Amino acid sequence: MKIMSQKWRIKEFLLNTRKNNMKFSIGQQHVFILGAGASVDYGLPTWKKLNGLIKTKIENDKNDLYKYKNEILSWLSKIGDNKKYKTIDECIKTESVSKEYHNNGHEIENGIFGIIKEIFKEVYKDNDTGWIRKLNEKIKDSENLNLENQIAFINCNYDDVLDKNFLNFDYLPIKYKLFNYKSRLNTLSGIEAHCFHPHGYFSSEYNSTSIRKEKDTIKSGNEGFIDVVSCYESKNHIVSTYNIAQKISLYILGLGSGLNINLSNIRFQNKISDIHVTIKDDGLKDGIVNFLSEKFKINQIEIKVYNDCCDLVDNCFNAKQP
């Protein structure tokens, strides 16, 4: 009886482990982990700036387009450096299930995501010097490296900036596309880059053929609800390549203050060979490097720090790279 009970507990543990850990399999060896800061080049705000934009949206709503305006403003009032929550994400996790909002917290959350979706569409801007454009150029000009087949993304934001820009060469003059890069661009047009959204993403009219997207979010089964979740409510995710012996290079762009919690929900089965990370605040550098070193069991000498996303791409990818 005791043996059977022990076997049952082991079986139950394994079932729960499978249930709470989502697997994301990739074939690529260069993995980009993107935060809100990775979209700043394209006009999108950081989480801190987003607070003010949401508030302005609500205050300018003279036609009562938005429900729960007072409740959303109440939530926003609790967010700030010296307040209860640091970001909207953190606020949503607690307030949406609190006693005060027991019956409508999920609807207030959905209202916030609806406003964010509108803001993203309004503030987005094309950028011919952004880091994705730079990466596109590296890929276009490095045919011998087959770089496009080695890249995957874990997007910890909800935007579709990647969809609009990655492996998109419409900005090239028609003449260049016809005479200089025709064969290369034909090859790139058939590439499927992997993109995993741990917290969901906002669907849009932009349907990229170059990115195959996977997402893991809480499904309400209600089409009226935007299919994203707070990163604070994200499940644990296991990431591995098809070849478990293959080492992975990580490129962490724009995670900022969300770096710790987002990376704490991700575990790689492959060994991490090197890490490249953007850190704007020098005062946070040592703490972040220590965290990355301990989490990924990697020597600090293999962790390189860059000022911004463009700086990272410029230094990590070039035609001479083996």
Protein backbone atom coordinates (compact mmCIF):
# COMPACT_ATOMS: atom_id res chain seq x y z
CA MET A 1 0.00 0.00 0.00
CA LYS A 2 2.84 2.32 0.93
CA ILE A 3 4.66 1.56 -2.36
CA MET A 4 1.49 2.23 -4.38
CA SER A 5 0.97 5.53 -2.55
CA GLN A 6 4.55 6.55 -3.27
CA LYS A 7 4.18 5.68 -6.97
CA TRP A 8 0.98 7.70 -7.14
CA ARG A 9 2.68 10.75 -5.63
CA ILE A 10 5.50 10.49 -8.19
CA LYS A 11 2.97 10.16 -11.01
CA GLU A 12 1.02 13.16 -9.71
CA PHE A 13 4.23 15.21 -9.47
CA LEU A 14 5.15 14.39 -13.08
CA LEU A 15 1.67 15.28 -14.30
CA ASN A 16 1.79 18.62 -12.48
CA THR A 17 5.26 19.29 -13.84
CA ARG A 18 4.04 18.73 -17.40
CA LYS A 19 1.00 20.89 -16.74
CA ASN A 20 2.89 23.85 -15.27
CA ASN A 21 5.85 23.83 -17.66
CA MET A 22 5.25 24.74 -21.29
CA LYS A 23 7.80 23.44 -23.79
CA PHE A 24 9.07 25.58 -26.65
CA SER A 25 11.25 23.73 -29.15
CA ILE A 26 13.43 25.58 -31.62
CA GLY A 27 16.05 24.68 -34.18
CA GLN A 28 18.01 27.89 -33.84
CA GLN A 29 21.12 28.66 -31.83
CA HIS A 30 20.77 32.47 -31.53
CA VAL A 31 17.84 33.28 -29.23
CA PHE A 32 16.63 36.86 -28.74
CA ILE A 33 14.68 37.59 -25.56
CA LEU A 34 12.82 40.87 -26.05
CA GLY A 35 11.26 43.26 -23.57
CA ALA A 36 9.36 46.52 -23.98
CA GLY A 37 12.64 48.40 -24.43
CA ALA A 38 13.28 46.47 -27.66
CA SER A 39 10.34 48.31 -29.26
CA VAL A 40 11.29 51.84 -28.17
CA ASP A 41 13.14 52.38 -31.49
CA TYR A 42 9.74 51.97 -33.16
CA GLY A 43 7.81 54.47 -31.05
CA LEU A 44 6.36 52.10 -28.46
CA PRO A 45 6.57 53.12 -24.80
CA THR A 46 8.22 51.43 -21.86
CA TRP A 47 5.89 50.20 -19.10
CA LYS A 48 6.51 53.32 -17.02
CA LYS A 49 5.59 55.67 -19.87
CA LEU A 50 2.57 53.55 -20.69
CA ASN A 51 0.87 54.56 -17.42
CA GLY A 52 0.63 58.18 -18.49
CA LEU A 53 -0.57 57.31 -22.01
CA ILE A 54 -3.40 55.17 -20.65
CA LYS A 55 -4.41 57.90 -18.24
CA THR A 56 -4.47 60.48 -21.05
CA LYS A 57 -6.59 58.15 -23.19
CA ILE A 58 -9.20 57.84 -20.45
CA GLU A 59 -9.23 61.53 -19.57
CA ASN A 60 -9.76 62.43 -23.25
CA ASP A 61 -12.62 59.95 -23.65
CA LYS A 62 -15.58 62.32 -23.99
CA ASN A 63 -17.81 59.74 -25.69
CA ASP A 64 -17.56 57.08 -22.99
CA LEU A 65 -15.92 54.55 -25.27
CA TYR A 66 -14.17 52.84 -22.38
CA LYS A 67 -15.79 50.94 -19.53
CA TYR A 68 -14.44 50.97 -15.98
CA LYS A 69 -12.62 54.27 -16.41
CA ASN A 70 -12.74 55.09 -12.69
CA GLU A 71 -11.51 51.64 -11.77
CA ILE A 72 -8.63 51.79 -14.27
CA LEU A 73 -7.60 55.23 -12.98
CA SER A 74 -7.72 53.83 -9.45
CA TRP A 75 -5.36 51.04 -10.48
CA LEU A 76 -3.02 53.47 -12.24
CA SER A 77 -2.86 55.64 -9.12
CA LYS A 78 -1.22 52.72 -7.30
CA ILE A 79 1.64 52.42 -9.80
CA GLY A 80 4.96 54.27 -9.46
CA ASP A 81 8.44 54.18 -7.98
CA ASN A 82 7.28 54.84 -4.43
CA LYS A 83 3.85 53.27 -4.68
CA LYS A 84 2.30 49.83 -4.24
CA TYR A 85 3.23 48.53 -7.70
CA LYS A 86 6.09 49.31 -10.08
CA THR A 87 4.30 48.43 -13.33
CA ILE A 88 0.84 47.77 -14.75
CA ASP A 89 1.71 44.09 -15.02
CA GLU A 90 2.38 43.80 -11.31
CA CYS A 91 -0.78 45.77 -10.52
CA ILE A 92 -3.00 43.58 -12.70
CA LYS A 93 -1.85 40.39 -11.01
CA THR A 94 -3.07 41.51 -7.57
CA GLU A 95 -5.89 43.95 -8.22
CA SER A 96 -7.75 41.77 -10.76
CA VAL A 97 -8.35 39.08 -8.13
CA SER A 98 -8.68 41.31 -5.06
CA LYS A 99 -11.82 41.37 -2.92
CA GLU A 100 -12.81 44.80 -4.22
CA TYR A 101 -12.78 43.63 -7.84
CA HIS A 102 -13.80 40.03 -7.24
CA ASN A 103 -16.55 40.06 -9.88
CA ASN A 104 -15.16 42.36 -12.56
CA GLY A 105 -11.36 42.35 -12.18
CA HIS A 106 -10.96 40.31 -15.36
CA GLU A 107 -13.05 42.84 -17.31
CA ILE A 108 -11.06 45.79 -15.99
CA GLU A 109 -7.86 43.99 -17.01
CA ASN A 110 -9.28 43.36 -20.48
CA GLY A 111 -10.17 47.06 -20.72
CA ILE A 112 -6.58 48.03 -19.91
CA PHE A 113 -5.19 45.68 -22.58
CA GLY A 114 -7.70 47.09 -25.07
CA ILE A 115 -6.43 50.61 -24.46
CA ILE A 116 -2.81 49.45 -24.69
CA LYS A 117 -3.58 47.84 -28.04
CA GLU A 118 -4.96 51.14 -29.33
CA ILE A 119 -1.96 53.08 -28.02
CA PHE A 120 0.48 50.68 -29.69
CA LYS A 121 -1.22 51.21 -33.07
CA GLU A 122 -1.21 55.00 -32.66
CA VAL A 123 2.38 55.51 -31.51
CA TYR A 124 4.10 52.95 -33.74
CA LYS A 125 6.43 54.50 -36.31
CA ASP A 126 8.67 53.07 -39.00
CA ASN A 127 12.35 53.48 -38.27
CA ASP A 128 15.05 53.05 -40.89
CA THR A 129 17.78 53.02 -38.24
CA GLY A 130 16.17 50.69 -35.70
CA TRP A 131 17.87 47.52 -34.51
CA ILE A 132 15.59 45.20 -36.51
CA ARG A 133 16.50 47.04 -39.72
CA LYS A 134 20.16 46.67 -38.79
CA LEU A 135 19.69 42.95 -38.17
CA ASN A 136 17.88 42.60 -41.49
CA GLU A 137 20.87 44.17 -43.25
CA LYS A 138 23.24 41.78 -41.48
CA ILE A 139 21.13 38.82 -42.61
CA LYS A 140 20.75 40.11 -46.17
CA ASP A 141 24.48 40.63 -46.54
CA SER A 142 25.63 37.38 -44.86
CA GLU A 143 24.36 34.75 -47.28
CA ASN A 144 27.27 32.45 -46.51
CA LEU A 145 26.36 32.43 -42.79
CA ASN A 146 22.76 31.26 -43.25
CA LEU A 147 22.06 33.53 -40.28
CA GLU A 148 18.29 33.70 -40.76
CA ASN A 149 17.98 29.97 -40.01
CA GLN A 150 19.78 30.36 -36.70
CA ILE A 151 17.57 33.00 -35.03
CA ALA A 152 14.53 32.62 -32.78
CA PHE A 153 12.68 35.13 -30.59
CA ILE A 154 11.10 34.99 -27.16
CA ASN A 155 9.02 38.16 -27.07
CA CYS A 156 8.08 39.19 -23.54
CA ASN A 157 6.08 42.14 -24.84
CA TYR A 158 2.68 42.13 -26.60
CA ASP A 159 3.46 44.19 -29.70
CA ASP A 160 3.77 43.20 -33.36
CA VAL A 161 6.88 45.26 -34.13
CA LEU A 162 8.70 42.09 -35.19
CA ASP A 163 5.88 41.15 -37.56
CA LYS A 164 6.14 44.47 -39.35
CA ASN A 165 9.91 44.66 -39.56
CA PHE A 166 11.79 41.36 -39.33
CA LEU A 167 12.91 40.04 -42.74
CA ASN A 168 10.91 42.82 -44.35
CA PHE A 169 12.90 44.39 -47.19
CA ASP A 170 10.19 46.53 -48.76
CA TYR A 171 12.25 49.61 -47.98
CA LEU A 172 14.83 48.65 -50.61
CA PRO A 173 14.56 50.39 -53.99
CA ILE A 174 12.77 48.23 -56.55
CA LYS A 175 15.84 48.32 -58.78
CA TYR A 176 18.02 46.93 -55.98
CA LYS A 177 15.54 44.16 -55.31
CA LEU A 178 15.38 43.20 -58.98
CA PHE A 179 19.05 43.44 -59.92
CA ASN A 180 21.14 43.20 -56.75
CA TYR A 181 19.31 40.99 -54.27
CA LYS A 182 16.64 39.06 -56.20
CA SER A 183 17.94 35.55 -55.49
CA ARG A 184 18.79 36.37 -51.88
CA LEU A 185 15.42 37.97 -51.12
CA ASN A 186 13.59 35.09 -52.78
CA THR A 187 15.36 32.76 -50.38
CA LEU A 188 14.59 34.94 -47.36
CA SER A 189 10.90 35.23 -48.27
CA GLY A 190 10.47 31.53 -47.54
CA ILE A 191 12.17 31.57 -44.15
CA GLU A 192 10.08 30.84 -41.05
CA ALA A 193 11.62 32.42 -37.97
CA HIS A 194 10.38 31.12 -34.64
CA CYS A 195 8.75 33.62 -32.26
CA PHE A 196 7.35 32.61 -28.89
CA HIS A 197 5.11 34.98 -26.90
CA PRO A 198 4.97 33.78 -23.28
CA HIS A 199 2.34 36.41 -22.44
CA GLY A 200 0.42 36.49 -25.72
CA TYR A 201 0.37 39.20 -28.39
CA PHE A 202 -1.99 41.71 -29.95
CA SER A 203 -3.20 40.45 -33.30
CA SER A 204 -3.25 43.10 -36.03
CA GLU A 205 -3.83 43.68 -39.70
CA TYR A 206 -0.13 42.98 -40.28
CA ASN A 207 0.30 39.30 -41.07
CA SER A 208 3.95 38.51 -41.55
CA THR A 209 4.85 35.38 -43.47
CA SER A 210 8.37 35.34 -42.10
CA ILE A 211 7.54 34.70 -38.44
CA ARG A 212 5.89 31.57 -37.12
CA LYS A 213 4.34 32.55 -33.82
CA GLU A 214 3.54 30.46 -30.79
CA LYS A 215 1.92 31.74 -27.63
CA ASP A 216 1.00 30.46 -24.23
CA THR A 217 -1.71 32.44 -22.50
CA ILE A 218 -4.73 31.94 -20.31
CA LYS A 219 -7.64 31.11 -22.63
CA SER A 220 -11.01 32.45 -21.47
CA GLY A 221 -12.89 31.00 -24.43
CA ASN A 222 -14.54 34.40 -24.81
CA GLU A 223 -13.80 36.17 -28.08
CA GLY A 224 -14.48 39.50 -26.41
CA PHE A 225 -11.36 39.17 -24.27
CA ILE A 226 -7.91 40.07 -25.52
CA ASP A 227 -5.75 37.00 -25.40
CA VAL A 228 -2.80 38.24 -23.34
CA VAL A 229 -1.79 37.83 -19.72
CA SER A 230 0.40 39.65 -17.24
CA CYS A 231 3.99 38.42 -17.12
CA TYR A 232 3.48 38.01 -13.37
CA GLU A 233 0.91 35.32 -14.17
CA SER A 234 2.97 33.58 -16.82
CA LYS A 235 3.62 29.87 -16.59
CA ASN A 236 7.10 28.40 -16.40
CA HIS A 237 8.55 27.64 -19.82
CA ILE A 238 11.18 25.13 -20.87
CA VAL A 239 13.11 26.05 -24.02
CA SER A 240 15.30 23.64 -25.97
CA THR A 241 16.64 23.12 -29.46
CA TYR A 242 15.95 19.95 -31.41
CA ASN A 243 19.56 19.01 -30.71
CA ILE A 244 19.93 19.11 -26.93
CA ALA A 245 23.74 19.08 -27.24
CA GLN A 246 23.71 22.34 -29.21
CA LYS A 247 24.80 25.40 -27.27
CA ILE A 248 22.69 28.56 -27.37
CA SER A 249 23.74 32.20 -27.54
CA LEU A 250 21.31 34.55 -25.76
CA TYR A 251 20.62 38.16 -26.76
CA ILE A 252 18.58 39.97 -24.10
CA LEU A 253 17.20 43.25 -25.45
CA GLY A 254 15.22 45.85 -23.54
CA LEU A 255 13.96 43.72 -20.64
CA GLY A 256 14.88 46.45 -18.16
CA SER A 257 13.17 46.14 -14.79
CA GLY A 258 11.24 43.09 -16.01
CA LEU A 259 14.41 41.09 -16.60
CA ASN A 260 14.36 39.17 -13.32
CA ILE A 261 10.73 38.05 -13.35
CA ASN A 262 10.61 37.23 -17.07
CA LEU A 263 13.80 35.20 -17.04
CA SER A 264 12.78 33.46 -13.82
CA ASN A 265 9.91 31.89 -15.78
CA ILE A 266 12.19 30.53 -18.50
CA ARG A 267 14.50 27.53 -18.28
CA PHE A 268 16.80 26.36 -21.08
CA GLN A 269 17.58 22.67 -21.43
CA ASN A 270 20.56 23.46 -23.65
CA LYS A 271 23.74 24.93 -22.26
CA ILE A 272 24.08 28.69 -22.72
CA SER A 273 27.46 29.47 -24.27
CA ASP A 274 27.38 33.27 -24.12
CA ILE A 275 24.99 36.11 -23.21
CA HIS A 276 24.66 39.58 -24.73
CA VAL A 277 22.47 42.02 -22.81
CA THR A 278 21.45 45.68 -23.04
CA ILE A 279 21.74 47.62 -19.77
CA LYS A 280 21.11 51.37 -19.79
CA ASP A 281 21.67 52.01 -16.07
CA ASP A 282 25.30 51.39 -15.11
CA GLY A 283 24.25 51.17 -11.48
CA LEU A 284 22.32 47.98 -12.25
CA LYS A 285 25.04 46.35 -14.32
CA ASP A 286 26.79 44.29 -11.60
CA GLY A 287 23.53 43.00 -10.14
CA ILE A 288 22.16 41.94 -13.54
CA VAL A 289 25.42 40.26 -14.58
CA ASN A 290 25.50 38.33 -11.28
CA PHE A 291 21.89 37.25 -11.75
CA LEU A 292 22.50 36.05 -15.32
CA SER A 293 25.69 34.25 -14.32
CA GLU A 294 23.94 32.34 -11.54
CA LYS A 295 20.76 31.59 -13.45
CA PHE A 296 22.41 30.29 -16.60
CA LYS A 297 25.49 28.76 -14.90
CA ILE A 298 27.84 30.77 -17.06
CA ASN A 299 31.11 32.54 -16.31
CA GLN A 300 30.72 36.32 -16.09
CA ILE A 301 33.42 36.74 -18.72
CA GLU A 302 30.96 35.27 -21.24
CA ILE A 303 28.38 37.99 -20.49
CA LYS A 304 28.73 41.08 -22.67
CA VAL A 305 26.90 44.34 -21.91
CA TYR A 306 25.73 46.89 -24.52
CA ASN A 307 24.22 50.37 -24.29
CA ASP A 308 21.21 49.69 -26.49
CA CYS A 309 19.73 47.30 -29.06
CA CYS A 310 21.53 48.81 -32.06
CA ASP A 311 24.84 48.66 -30.23
CA LEU A 312 24.27 44.96 -29.53
CA VAL A 313 23.36 44.07 -33.13
CA ASP A 314 26.27 46.09 -34.52
CA ASN A 315 28.75 44.24 -32.34
CA CYS A 316 27.32 40.71 -32.41
CA PHE A 317 26.54 40.11 -36.08
CA ASN A 318 28.81 40.81 -38.99
CA ALA A 319 29.95 39.19 -42.22
CA LYS A 320 33.17 37.97 -40.64
CA GLN A 321 31.38 35.99 -37.96
CA PRO A 322 32.11 32.22 -38.30
